[in-house]
Amino acid sequence: MSLDQNPKRSNEPPVWLLFSAGGMISALFFPVVIFIIGLLLPFGLVSPDNIIAFAHTCIGKLTIMVLAIFPMWAGMHRIHHGLHDLKVHTPAGNVIFYGLSILYTILVIIAVVQI
């Protein structure tokens, strides 16, 4: 048995990186976002002006991009592999799901830069 000297390249490592980053960001930061937007803001403990001012800073824009982009990659990856596990094979599934994620990423970047 010999090893293949020219193995086929896979797109899985970068996709798994984005998927795992999205999962970690969702797990760590969404409870904080829900706490701020769902409790502190409605009860008047945080001013909407402070949130808007934060969104206009570089760190705020980066935070919005990270909280919007990476969980989308995680979700699309889960949908793609979930459909595969259910034996629903979409033609060009990689192109559809990861292409939509790339398009979404570009749109989020454009929207956040314009804030």
PDB file of N, CA and C in Angstrom:
ATOM      1  N   MET A   1       0.850  -1.169   0.000  1.00  0.00           N
ATOM      2  CA  MET A   1       0.000   0.000   0.000  1.00  0.00           C
ATOM      3  C   MET A   1       0.896   1.232   0.000  1.00  0.00           C
ATOM      4  N   SER A   2       0.630   2.133  -0.927  1.00  0.00           N
ATOM      5  CA  SER A   2       1.428   3.348  -0.991  1.00  0.00           C
ATOM      6  C   SER A   2       0.524   4.558  -0.739  1.00  0.00           C
ATOM      7  N   LEU A   3       1.148   5.578  -0.220  1.00  0.00           N
ATOM      8  CA  LEU A   3       0.411   6.806   0.048  1.00  0.00           C
ATOM      9  C   LEU A   3       0.309   7.631  -1.225  1.00  0.00           C
ATOM     10  N   ASP A   4      -0.818   8.274  -1.381  1.00  0.00           N
ATOM     11  CA  ASP A   4      -1.026   9.141  -2.539  1.00  0.00           C
ATOM     12  C   ASP A   4      -0.145  10.380  -2.383  1.00  0.00           C
ATOM     13  N   GLN A   5       0.750  10.579  -3.330  1.00  0.00           N
ATOM     14  CA  GLN A   5       1.684  11.694  -3.261  1.00  0.00           C
ATOM     15  C   GLN A   5       1.023  13.032  -3.606  1.00  0.00           C
ATOM     16  N   ASN A   6      -0.098  12.989  -4.286  1.00  0.00           N
ATOM     17  CA  ASN A   6      -0.841  14.198  -4.649  1.00  0.00           C
ATOM     18  C   ASN A   6      -2.286  14.077  -4.178  1.00  0.00           C
ATOM     19  N   PRO A   7      -2.512  14.211  -2.858  1.00  0.00           N
ATOM     20  CA  PRO A   7      -3.885  14.059  -2.370  1.00  0.00           C
ATOM     21  C   PRO A   7      -4.769  15.205  -2.842  1.00  0.00           C
ATOM     22  N   LYS A   8      -6.058  14.897  -2.969  1.00  0.00           N
ATOM     23  CA  LYS A   8      -7.028  15.895  -3.392  1.00  0.00           C
ATOM     24  C   LYS A   8      -7.212  16.928  -2.273  1.00  0.00           C
ATOM     25  N   ARG A   9      -7.179  18.189  -2.639  1.00  0.00           N
ATOM     26  CA  ARG A   9      -7.364  19.266  -1.667  1.00  0.00           C
ATOM     27  C   ARG A   9      -8.838  19.358  -1.284  1.00  0.00           C
ATOM     28  N   SER A  10      -9.076  19.727  -0.034  1.00  0.00           N
ATOM     29  CA  SER A  10     -10.441  19.836   0.471  1.00  0.00           C
ATOM     30  C   SER A  10     -10.712  21.273   0.890  1.00  0.00           C
ATOM     31  N   ASN A  11     -11.974  21.694   0.755  1.00  0.00           N
ATOM     32  CA  ASN A  11     -12.358  23.016   1.240  1.00  0.00           C
ATOM     33  C   ASN A  11     -12.827  22.959   2.695  1.00  0.00           C
ATOM     34  N   GLU A  12     -12.783  21.795   3.301  1.00  0.00           N
ATOM     35  CA  GLU A  12     -13.313  21.629   4.653  1.00  0.00           C
ATOM     36  C   GLU A  12     -12.557  22.390   5.737  1.00  0.00           C
ATOM     37  N   PRO A  13     -11.209  22.461   5.753  1.00  0.00           N
ATOM     38  CA  PRO A  13     -10.562  23.170   6.868  1.00  0.00           C
ATOM     39  C   PRO A  13     -10.989  24.627   7.028  1.00  0.00           C
ATOM     40  N   PRO A  14     -11.024  25.459   5.968  1.00  0.00           N
ATOM     41  CA  PRO A  14     -11.477  26.840   6.202  1.00  0.00           C
ATOM     42  C   PRO A  14     -12.949  26.922   6.595  1.00  0.00           C
ATOM     43  N   VAL A  15     -13.762  26.040   6.034  1.00  0.00           N
ATOM     44  CA  VAL A  15     -15.190  26.055   6.370  1.00  0.00           C
ATOM     45  C   VAL A  15     -15.386  25.621   7.820  1.00  0.00           C
ATOM     46  N   TRP A  16     -14.663  24.607   8.269  1.00  0.00           N
ATOM     47  CA  TRP A  16     -14.770  24.169   9.662  1.00  0.00           C
ATOM     48  C   TRP A  16     -14.257  25.243  10.612  1.00  0.00           C
ATOM     49  N   LEU A  17     -13.253  26.008  10.190  1.00  0.00           N
ATOM     50  CA  LEU A  17     -12.757  27.110  11.015  1.00  0.00           C
ATOM     51  C   LEU A  17     -13.862  28.151  11.212  1.00  0.00           C
ATOM     52  N   LEU A  18     -14.525  28.535  10.120  1.00  0.00           N
ATOM     53  CA  LEU A  18     -15.604  29.518  10.217  1.00  0.00           C
ATOM     54  C   LEU A  18     -16.790  28.957  10.998  1.00  0.00           C
ATOM     55  N   PHE A  19     -17.087  27.664  10.792  1.00  0.00           N
ATOM     56  CA  PHE A  19     -18.175  27.006  11.512  1.00  0.00           C
ATOM     57  C   PHE A  19     -17.902  26.993  13.018  1.00  0.00           C
ATOM     58  N   SER A  20     -16.699  26.603  13.404  1.00  0.00           N
ATOM     59  CA  SER A  20     -16.393  26.517  14.837  1.00  0.00           C
ATOM     60  C   SER A  20     -16.305  27.905  15.464  1.00  0.00           C
ATOM     61  N   ALA A  21     -15.797  28.882  14.711  1.00  0.00           N
ATOM     62  CA  ALA A  21     -15.771  30.254  15.236  1.00  0.00           C
ATOM     63  C   ALA A  21     -17.193  30.752  15.466  1.00  0.00           C
ATOM     64  N   GLY A  22     -18.081  30.475  14.538  1.00  0.00           N
ATOM     65  CA  GLY A  22     -19.473  30.898  14.689  1.00  0.00           C
ATOM     66  C   GLY A  22     -20.155  30.232  15.863  1.00  0.00           C
ATOM     67  N   GLY A  23     -19.878  28.964  16.065  1.00  0.00           N
ATOM     68  CA  GLY A  23     -20.456  28.257  17.207  1.00  0.00           C
ATOM     69  C   GLY A  23     -19.972  28.813  18.533  1.00  0.00           C
ATOM     70  N   MET A  24     -18.680  29.097  18.619  1.00  0.00           N
ATOM     71  CA  MET A  24     -18.125  29.643  19.861  1.00  0.00           C
ATOM     72  C   MET A  24     -18.654  31.049  20.132  1.00  0.00           C
ATOM     73  N   ILE A  25     -18.715  31.865  19.092  1.00  0.00           N
ATOM     74  CA  ILE A  25     -19.216  33.227  19.267  1.00  0.00           C
ATOM     75  C   ILE A  25     -20.681  33.195  19.695  1.00  0.00           C
ATOM     76  N   SER A  26     -21.459  32.328  19.074  1.00  0.00           N
ATOM     77  CA  SER A  26     -22.870  32.208  19.458  1.00  0.00           C
ATOM     78  C   SER A  26     -23.005  31.786  20.917  1.00  0.00           C
ATOM     79  N   ALA A  27     -22.230  30.808  21.311  1.00  0.00           N
ATOM     80  CA  ALA A  27     -22.342  30.280  22.675  1.00  0.00           C
ATOM     81  C   ALA A  27     -21.857  31.277  23.723  1.00  0.00           C
ATOM     82  N   LEU A  28     -20.809  32.022  23.413  1.00  0.00           N
ATOM     83  CA  LEU A  28     -20.229  32.912  24.413  1.00  0.00           C
ATOM     84  C   LEU A  28     -20.891  34.293  24.468  1.00  0.00           C
ATOM     85  N   PHE A  29     -21.229  34.848  23.321  1.00  0.00           N
ATOM     86  CA  PHE A  29     -21.642  36.245  23.301  1.00  0.00           C
ATOM     87  C   PHE A  29     -23.141  36.479  23.127  1.00  0.00           C
ATOM     88  N   PHE A  30     -23.880  35.537  22.556  1.00  0.00           N
ATOM     89  CA  PHE A  30     -25.317  35.764  22.380  1.00  0.00           C
ATOM     90  C   PHE A  30     -26.064  35.902  23.705  1.00  0.00           C
ATOM     91  N   PRO A  31     -25.705  35.167  24.759  1.00  0.00           N
ATOM     92  CA  PRO A  31     -26.385  35.423  26.038  1.00  0.00           C
ATOM     93  C   PRO A  31     -26.183  36.863  26.531  1.00  0.00           C
ATOM     94  N   VAL A  32     -25.004  37.415  26.292  1.00  0.00           N
ATOM     95  CA  VAL A  32     -24.735  38.798  26.702  1.00  0.00           C
ATOM     96  C   VAL A  32     -25.570  39.759  25.864  1.00  0.00           C
ATOM     97  N   VAL A  33     -25.625  39.523  24.553  1.00  0.00           N
ATOM     98  CA  VAL A  33     -26.420  40.379  23.670  1.00  0.00           C
ATOM     99  C   VAL A  33     -27.897  40.297  24.042  1.00  0.00           C
ATOM    100  N   ILE A  34     -28.386  39.106  24.309  1.00  0.00           N
ATOM    101  CA  ILE A  34     -29.789  38.937  24.716  1.00  0.00           C
ATOM    102  C   ILE A  34     -30.053  39.654  26.035  1.00  0.00           C
ATOM    103  N   PHE A  35     -29.108  39.576  26.964  1.00  0.00           N
ATOM    104  CA  PHE A  35     -29.243  40.251  28.254  1.00  0.00           C
ATOM    105  C   PHE A  35     -29.318  41.771  28.066  1.00  0.00           C
ATOM    106  N   ILE A  36     -28.433  42.306  27.213  1.00  0.00           N
ATOM    107  CA  ILE A  36     -28.415  43.755  26.997  1.00  0.00           C
ATOM    108  C   ILE A  36     -29.669  44.214  26.264  1.00  0.00           C
ATOM    109  N   ILE A  37     -29.972  43.558  25.134  1.00  0.00           N
ATOM    110  CA  ILE A  37     -31.099  44.005  24.311  1.00  0.00           C
ATOM    111  C   ILE A  37     -32.443  43.574  24.900  1.00  0.00           C
ATOM    112  N   GLY A  38     -32.482  42.416  25.550  1.00  0.00           N
ATOM    113  CA  GLY A  38     -33.751  41.896  26.059  1.00  0.00           C
ATOM    114  C   GLY A  38     -34.126  42.352  27.445  1.00  0.00           C
ATOM    115  N   LEU A  39     -33.139  42.726  28.270  1.00  0.00           N
ATOM    116  CA  LEU A  39     -33.462  43.130  29.643  1.00  0.00           C
ATOM    117  C   LEU A  39     -33.010  44.548  29.970  1.00  0.00           C
ATOM    118  N   LEU A  40     -31.738  44.830  29.770  1.00  0.00           N
ATOM    119  CA  LEU A  40     -31.221  46.134  30.185  1.00  0.00           C
ATOM    120  C   LEU A  40     -31.829  47.280  29.381  1.00  0.00           C
ATOM    121  N   LEU A  41     -31.952  47.109  28.084  1.00  0.00           N
ATOM    122  CA  LEU A  41     -32.504  48.168  27.235  1.00  0.00           C
ATOM    123  C   LEU A  41     -33.990  48.432  27.514  1.00  0.00           C
ATOM    124  N   PRO A  42     -34.851  47.407  27.574  1.00  0.00           N
ATOM    125  CA  PRO A  42     -36.281  47.676  27.845  1.00  0.00           C
ATOM    126  C   PRO A  42     -36.540  48.275  29.229  1.00  0.00           C
ATOM    127  N   PHE A  43     -35.717  47.905  30.227  1.00  0.00           N
ATOM    128  CA  PHE A  43     -35.930  48.444  31.569  1.00  0.00           C
ATOM    129  C   PHE A  43     -35.229  49.781  31.784  1.00  0.00           C
ATOM    130  N   GLY A  44     -34.620  50.319  30.738  1.00  0.00           N
ATOM    131  CA  GLY A  44     -33.998  51.636  30.812  1.00  0.00           C
ATOM    132  C   GLY A  44     -32.676  51.674  31.545  1.00  0.00           C
ATOM    133  N   LEU A  45     -32.063  50.520  31.759  1.00  0.00           N
ATOM    134  CA  LEU A  45     -30.776  50.492  32.451  1.00  0.00           C
ATOM    135  C   LEU A  45     -29.606  50.811  31.516  1.00  0.00           C
ATOM    136  N   VAL A  46     -29.851  50.730  30.224  1.00  0.00           N
ATOM    137  CA  VAL A  46     -28.867  51.112  29.209  1.00  0.00           C
ATOM    138  C   VAL A  46     -29.572  52.045  28.239  1.00  0.00           C
ATOM    139  N   SER A  47     -28.912  53.127  27.929  1.00  0.00           N
ATOM    140  CA  SER A  47     -29.497  54.096  27.003  1.00  0.00           C
ATOM    141  C   SER A  47     -29.292  53.642  25.558  1.00  0.00           C
ATOM    142  N   PRO A  48     -30.319  53.771  24.723  1.00  0.00           N
ATOM    143  CA  PRO A  48     -30.141  53.448  23.303  1.00  0.00           C
ATOM    144  C   PRO A  48     -29.058  54.309  22.655  1.00  0.00           C
ATOM    145  N   ASP A  49     -28.878  55.532  23.164  1.00  0.00           N
ATOM    146  CA  ASP A  49     -27.839  56.408  22.627  1.00  0.00           C
ATOM    147  C   ASP A  49     -26.449  55.817  22.853  1.00  0.00           C
ATOM    148  N   ASN A  50     -26.253  55.137  23.982  1.00  0.00           N
ATOM    149  CA  ASN A  50     -24.960  54.494  24.242  1.00  0.00           C
ATOM    150  C   ASN A  50     -24.702  53.356  23.266  1.00  0.00           C
ATOM    151  N   ILE A  51     -25.733  52.587  22.953  1.00  0.00           N
ATOM    152  CA  ILE A  51     -25.577  51.479  22.006  1.00  0.00           C
ATOM    153  C   ILE A  51     -25.286  52.017  20.613  1.00  0.00           C
ATOM    154  N   ILE A  52     -25.976  53.080  20.223  1.00  0.00           N
ATOM    155  CA  ILE A  52     -25.738  53.681  18.905  1.00  0.00           C
ATOM    156  C   ILE A  52     -24.341  54.284  18.850  1.00  0.00           C
ATOM    157  N   ALA A  53     -23.914  54.936  19.907  1.00  0.00           N
ATOM    158  CA  ALA A  53     -22.566  55.505  19.938  1.00  0.00           C
ATOM    159  C   ALA A  53     -21.514  54.392  19.848  1.00  0.00           C
ATOM    160  N   PHE A  54     -21.754  53.283  20.531  1.00  0.00           N
ATOM    161  CA  PHE A  54     -20.816  52.154  20.455  1.00  0.00           C
ATOM    162  C   PHE A  54     -20.767  51.589  19.041  1.00  0.00           C
ATOM    163  N   ALA A  55     -21.903  51.538  18.366  1.00  0.00           N
ATOM    164  CA  ALA A  55     -21.952  50.992  17.005  1.00  0.00           C
ATOM    165  C   ALA A  55     -21.173  51.852  16.024  1.00  0.00           C
ATOM    166  N   HIS A  56     -20.950  53.106  16.343  1.00  0.00           N
ATOM    167  CA  HIS A  56     -20.216  53.995  15.448  1.00  0.00           C
ATOM    168  C   HIS A  56     -18.700  53.950  15.659  1.00  0.00           C
ATOM    169  N   THR A  57     -18.232  53.272  16.692  1.00  0.00           N
ATOM    170  CA  THR A  57     -16.787  53.151  16.908  1.00  0.00           C
ATOM    171  C   THR A  57     -16.244  51.975  16.109  1.00  0.00           C
ATOM    172  N   CYS A  58     -14.924  51.951  15.934  1.00  0.00           N
ATOM    173  CA  CYS A  58     -14.294  50.844  15.195  1.00  0.00           C
ATOM    174  C   CYS A  58     -14.514  49.510  15.896  1.00  0.00           C
ATOM    175  N   ILE A  59     -14.395  49.500  17.216  1.00  0.00           N
ATOM    176  CA  ILE A  59     -14.609  48.255  17.966  1.00  0.00           C
ATOM    177  C   ILE A  59     -16.074  47.830  17.873  1.00  0.00           C
ATOM    178  N   GLY A  60     -16.976  48.788  17.894  1.00  0.00           N
ATOM    179  CA  GLY A  60     -18.398  48.477  17.762  1.00  0.00           C
ATOM    180  C   GLY A  60     -18.717  47.877  16.404  1.00  0.00           C
ATOM    181  N   LYS A  61     -18.145  48.450  15.342  1.00  0.00           N
ATOM    182  CA  LYS A  61     -18.364  47.916  13.997  1.00  0.00           C
ATOM    183  C   LYS A  61     -17.792  46.511  13.874  1.00  0.00           C
ATOM    184  N   LEU A  62     -16.608  46.303  14.428  1.00  0.00           N
ATOM    185  CA  LEU A  62     -16.006  44.964  14.397  1.00  0.00           C
ATOM    186  C   LEU A  62     -16.864  43.971  15.179  1.00  0.00           C
ATOM    187  N   THR A  63     -17.391  44.404  16.320  1.00  0.00           N
ATOM    188  CA  THR A  63     -18.263  43.538  17.122  1.00  0.00           C
ATOM    189  C   THR A  63     -19.512  43.155  16.344  1.00  0.00           C
ATOM    190  N   ILE A  64     -20.142  44.125  15.684  1.00  0.00           N
ATOM    191  CA  ILE A  64     -21.343  43.837  14.901  1.00  0.00           C
ATOM    192  C   ILE A  64     -21.026  42.847  13.786  1.00  0.00           C
ATOM    193  N   MET A  65     -19.894  43.060  13.105  1.00  0.00           N
ATOM    194  CA  MET A  65     -19.529  42.141  12.022  1.00  0.00           C
ATOM    195  C   MET A  65     -19.288  40.730  12.537  1.00  0.00           C
ATOM    196  N   VAL A  66     -18.558  40.609  13.636  1.00  0.00           N
ATOM    197  CA  VAL A  66     -18.254  39.284  14.186  1.00  0.00           C
ATOM    198  C   VAL A  66     -19.535  38.586  14.639  1.00  0.00           C
ATOM    199  N   LEU A  67     -20.424  39.327  15.314  1.00  0.00           N
ATOM    200  CA  LEU A  67     -21.667  38.730  15.820  1.00  0.00           C
ATOM    201  C   LEU A  67     -22.658  38.404  14.704  1.00  0.00           C
ATOM    202  N   ALA A  68     -22.487  39.002  13.540  1.00  0.00           N
ATOM    203  CA  ALA A  68     -23.401  38.731  12.431  1.00  0.00           C
ATOM    204  C   ALA A  68     -22.849  37.697  11.465  1.00  0.00           C
ATOM    205  N   ILE A  69     -21.545  37.746  11.186  1.00  0.00           N
ATOM    206  CA  ILE A  69     -20.977  36.912  10.118  1.00  0.00           C
ATOM    207  C   ILE A  69     -20.716  35.476  10.565  1.00  0.00           C
ATOM    208  N   PHE A  70     -19.986  35.301  11.639  1.00  0.00           N
ATOM    209  CA  PHE A  70     -19.564  33.944  12.009  1.00  0.00           C
ATOM    210  C   PHE A  70     -20.720  33.008  12.371  1.00  0.00           C
ATOM    211  N   PRO A  71     -21.730  33.465  13.119  1.00  0.00           N
ATOM    212  CA  PRO A  71     -22.862  32.555  13.362  1.00  0.00           C
ATOM    213  C   PRO A  71     -23.600  32.157  12.086  1.00  0.00           C
ATOM    214  N   MET A  72     -23.609  33.020  11.080  1.00  0.00           N
ATOM    215  CA  MET A  72     -24.232  32.648   9.795  1.00  0.00           C
ATOM    216  C   MET A  72     -23.473  31.486   9.165  1.00  0.00           C
ATOM    217  N   TRP A  73     -22.144  31.536   9.205  1.00  0.00           N
ATOM    218  CA  TRP A  73     -21.351  30.434   8.664  1.00  0.00           C
ATOM    219  C   TRP A  73     -21.650  29.143   9.424  1.00  0.00           C
ATOM    220  N   ALA A  74     -21.771  29.245  10.749  1.00  0.00           N
ATOM    221  CA  ALA A  74     -22.077  28.060  11.548  1.00  0.00           C
ATOM    222  C   ALA A  74     -23.445  27.502  11.183  1.00  0.00           C
ATOM    223  N   GLY A  75     -24.425  28.380  11.036  1.00  0.00           N
ATOM    224  CA  GLY A  75     -25.767  27.937  10.687  1.00  0.00           C
ATOM    225  C   GLY A  75     -25.848  27.305   9.312  1.00  0.00           C
ATOM    226  N   MET A  76     -25.215  27.919   8.333  1.00  0.00           N
ATOM    227  CA  MET A  76     -25.247  27.370   6.974  1.00  0.00           C
ATOM    228  C   MET A  76     -24.516  26.026   6.909  1.00  0.00           C
ATOM    229  N   HIS A  77     -23.429  25.911   7.644  1.00  0.00           N
ATOM    230  CA  HIS A  77     -22.699  24.643   7.668  1.00  0.00           C
ATOM    231  C   HIS A  77     -23.557  23.549   8.304  1.00  0.00           C
ATOM    232  N   ARG A  78     -24.262  23.898   9.382  1.00  0.00           N
ATOM    233  CA  ARG A  78     -25.144  22.922  10.044  1.00  0.00           C
ATOM    234  C   ARG A  78     -26.298  22.521   9.125  1.00  0.00           C
ATOM    235  N   ILE A  79     -26.887  23.475   8.422  1.00  0.00           N
ATOM    236  CA  ILE A  79     -27.977  23.153   7.501  1.00  0.00           C
ATOM    237  C   ILE A  79     -27.477  22.250   6.386  1.00  0.00           C
ATOM    238  N   HIS A  80     -26.322  22.584   5.826  1.00  0.00           N
ATOM    239  CA  HIS A  80     -25.751  21.798   4.730  1.00  0.00           C
ATOM    240  C   HIS A  80     -25.504  20.357   5.160  1.00  0.00           C
ATOM    241  N   HIS A  81     -24.858  20.172   6.296  1.00  0.00           N
ATOM    242  CA  HIS A  81     -24.562  18.813   6.753  1.00  0.00           C
ATOM    243  C   HIS A  81     -25.793  18.122   7.328  1.00  0.00           C
ATOM    244  N   GLY A  82     -26.726  18.887   7.891  1.00  0.00           N
ATOM    245  CA  GLY A  82     -27.972  18.289   8.368  1.00  0.00           C
ATOM    246  C   GLY A  82     -28.793  17.722   7.227  1.00  0.00           C
ATOM    247  N   LEU A  83     -28.881  18.452   6.117  1.00  0.00           N
ATOM    248  CA  LEU A  83     -29.581  17.939   4.942  1.00  0.00           C
ATOM    249  C   LEU A  83     -28.889  16.696   4.395  1.00  0.00           C
ATOM    250  N   HIS A  84     -27.569  16.717   4.418  1.00  0.00           N
ATOM    251  CA  HIS A  84     -26.811  15.547   3.951  1.00  0.00           C
ATOM    252  C   HIS A  84     -27.106  14.330   4.835  1.00  0.00           C
ATOM    253  N   ASP A  85     -27.170  14.563   6.150  1.00  0.00           N
ATOM    254  CA  ASP A  85     -27.483  13.460   7.072  1.00  0.00           C
ATOM    255  C   ASP A  85     -28.893  12.925   6.866  1.00  0.00           C
ATOM    256  N   LEU A  86     -29.810  13.789   6.432  1.00  0.00           N
ATOM    257  CA  LEU A  86     -31.187  13.368   6.161  1.00  0.00           C
ATOM    258  C   LEU A  86     -31.354  12.810   4.752  1.00  0.00           C
ATOM    259  N   LYS A  87     -30.240  12.656   4.047  1.00  0.00           N
ATOM    260  CA  LYS A  87     -30.221  12.107   2.678  1.00  0.00           C
ATOM    261  C   LYS A  87     -30.907  13.033   1.671  1.00  0.00           C
ATOM    262  N   VAL A  88     -30.912  14.334   1.979  1.00  0.00           N
ATOM    263  CA  VAL A  88     -31.404  15.332   1.032  1.00  0.00           C
ATOM    264  C   VAL A  88     -30.175  15.948   0.389  1.00  0.00           C
ATOM    265  N   HIS A  89     -29.877  15.477  -0.816  1.00  0.00           N
ATOM    266  CA  HIS A  89     -28.665  15.928  -1.492  1.00  0.00           C
ATOM    267  C   HIS A  89     -29.026  17.003  -2.509  1.00  0.00           C
ATOM    268  N   THR A  90     -28.566  18.209  -2.233  1.00  0.00           N
ATOM    269  CA  THR A  90     -28.819  19.310  -3.149  1.00  0.00           C
ATOM    270  C   THR A  90     -27.691  19.363  -4.172  1.00  0.00           C
ATOM    271  N   PRO A  91     -28.032  19.560  -5.432  1.00  0.00           N
ATOM    272  CA  PRO A  91     -26.968  19.697  -6.422  1.00  0.00           C
ATOM    273  C   PRO A  91     -26.162  20.958  -6.121  1.00  0.00           C
ATOM    274  N   ALA A  92     -24.865  20.824  -6.137  1.00  0.00           N
ATOM    275  CA  ALA A  92     -23.948  21.939  -5.848  1.00  0.00           C
ATOM    276  C   ALA A  92     -24.240  22.544  -4.476  1.00  0.00           C
ATOM    277  N   GLY A  93     -24.447  21.696  -3.475  1.00  0.00           N
ATOM    278  CA  GLY A  93     -24.766  22.166  -2.124  1.00  0.00           C
ATOM    279  C   GLY A  93     -23.692  23.063  -1.543  1.00  0.00           C
ATOM    280  N   ASN A  94     -22.416  22.710  -1.773  1.00  0.00           N
ATOM    281  CA  ASN A  94     -21.328  23.553  -1.285  1.00  0.00           C
ATOM    282  C   ASN A  94     -21.436  24.957  -1.853  1.00  0.00           C
ATOM    283  N   VAL A  95     -21.678  25.031  -3.149  1.00  0.00           N
ATOM    284  CA  VAL A  95     -21.762  26.336  -3.814  1.00  0.00           C
ATOM    285  C   VAL A  95     -22.955  27.126  -3.283  1.00  0.00           C
ATOM    286  N   ILE A  96     -24.069  26.466  -3.084  1.00  0.00           N
ATOM    287  CA  ILE A  96     -25.277  27.161  -2.617  1.00  0.00           C
ATOM    288  C   ILE A  96     -25.086  27.679  -1.194  1.00  0.00           C
ATOM    289  N   PHE A  97     -24.770  26.795  -0.257  1.00  0.00           N
ATOM    290  CA  PHE A  97     -24.727  27.190   1.141  1.00  0.00           C
ATOM    291  C   PHE A  97     -23.543  28.085   1.460  1.00  0.00           C
ATOM    292  N   TYR A  98     -22.370  27.732   0.987  1.00  0.00           N
ATOM    293  CA  TYR A  98     -21.199  28.556   1.282  1.00  0.00           C
ATOM    294  C   TYR A  98     -21.177  29.803   0.414  1.00  0.00           C
ATOM    295  N   GLY A  99     -21.766  29.743  -0.764  1.00  0.00           N
ATOM    296  CA  GLY A  99     -21.900  30.940  -1.595  1.00  0.00           C
ATOM    297  C   GLY A  99     -22.823  31.955  -0.946  1.00  0.00           C
ATOM    298  N   LEU A 100     -23.934  31.483  -0.380  1.00  0.00           N
ATOM    299  CA  LEU A 100     -24.834  32.386   0.349  1.00  0.00           C
ATOM    300  C   LEU A 100     -24.131  32.993   1.563  1.00  0.00           C
ATOM    301  N   SER A 101     -23.289  32.204   2.223  1.00  0.00           N
ATOM    302  CA  SER A 101     -22.550  32.727   3.370  1.00  0.00           C
ATOM    303  C   SER A 101     -21.559  33.798   2.934  1.00  0.00           C
ATOM    304  N   ILE A 102     -20.907  33.586   1.811  1.00  0.00           N
ATOM    305  CA  ILE A 102     -19.970  34.593   1.298  1.00  0.00           C
ATOM    306  C   ILE A 102     -20.731  35.865   0.919  1.00  0.00           C
ATOM    307  N   LEU A 103     -21.852  35.713   0.243  1.00  0.00           N
ATOM    308  CA  LEU A 103     -22.668  36.869  -0.136  1.00  0.00           C
ATOM    309  C   LEU A 103     -23.135  37.631   1.105  1.00  0.00           C
ATOM    310  N   TYR A 104     -23.607  36.916   2.105  1.00  0.00           N
ATOM    311  CA  TYR A 104     -24.048  37.528   3.357  1.00  0.00           C
ATOM    312  C   TYR A 104     -22.892  38.270   4.031  1.00  0.00           C
ATOM    313  N   THR A 105     -21.708  37.655   4.039  1.00  0.00           N
ATOM    314  CA  THR A 105     -20.532  38.285   4.633  1.00  0.00           C
ATOM    315  C   THR A 105     -20.226  39.610   3.951  1.00  0.00           C
ATOM    316  N   ILE A 106     -20.260  39.612   2.632  1.00  0.00           N
ATOM    317  CA  ILE A 106     -19.983  40.840   1.879  1.00  0.00           C
ATOM    318  C   ILE A 106     -21.030  41.901   2.181  1.00  0.00           C
ATOM    319  N   LEU A 107     -22.302  41.517   2.218  1.00  0.00           N
ATOM    320  CA  LEU A 107     -23.374  42.474   2.500  1.00  0.00           C
ATOM    321  C   LEU A 107     -23.268  43.058   3.912  1.00  0.00           C
ATOM    322  N   VAL A 108     -22.909  42.230   4.881  1.00  0.00           N
ATOM    323  CA  VAL A 108     -22.754  42.722   6.250  1.00  0.00           C
ATOM    324  C   VAL A 108     -21.595  43.707   6.337  1.00  0.00           C
ATOM    325  N   ILE A 109     -20.492  43.371   5.682  1.00  0.00           N
ATOM    326  CA  ILE A 109     -19.339  44.277   5.705  1.00  0.00           C
ATOM    327  C   ILE A 109     -19.700  45.622   5.093  1.00  0.00           C
ATOM    328  N   ILE A 110     -20.383  45.595   3.959  1.00  0.00           N
ATOM    329  CA  ILE A 110     -20.792  46.841   3.299  1.00  0.00           C
ATOM    330  C   ILE A 110     -21.736  47.639   4.197  1.00  0.00           C
ATOM    331  N   ALA A 111     -22.707  46.963   4.813  1.00  0.00           N
ATOM    332  CA  ALA A 111     -23.672  47.655   5.670  1.00  0.00           C
ATOM    333  C   ALA A 111     -23.010  48.251   6.901  1.00  0.00           C
ATOM    334  N   VAL A 112     -22.091  47.505   7.520  1.00  0.00           N
ATOM    335  CA  VAL A 112     -21.464  47.992   8.751  1.00  0.00           C
ATOM    336  C   VAL A 112     -20.496  49.126   8.456  1.00  0.00           C
ATOM    337  N   VAL A 113     -19.796  49.068   7.355  1.00  0.00           N
ATOM    338  CA  VAL A 113     -18.869  50.148   7.008  1.00  0.00           C
ATOM    339  C   VAL A 113     -19.628  51.448   6.789  1.00  0.00           C
ATOM    340  N   GLN A 114     -20.862  51.363   6.312  1.00  0.00           N
ATOM    341  CA  GLN A 114     -21.655  52.563   6.047  1.00  0.00           C
ATOM    342  C   GLN A 114     -22.308  53.159   7.296  1.00  0.00           C
ATOM    343  N   ILE A 115     -22.169  52.510   8.441  1.00  0.00           N
ATOM    344  CA  ILE A 115     -22.763  53.033   9.689  1.00  0.00           C
ATOM    345  C   ILE A 115     -22.057  54.336  10.036  1.00  0.00           C
TER     346      ILE A 115
END
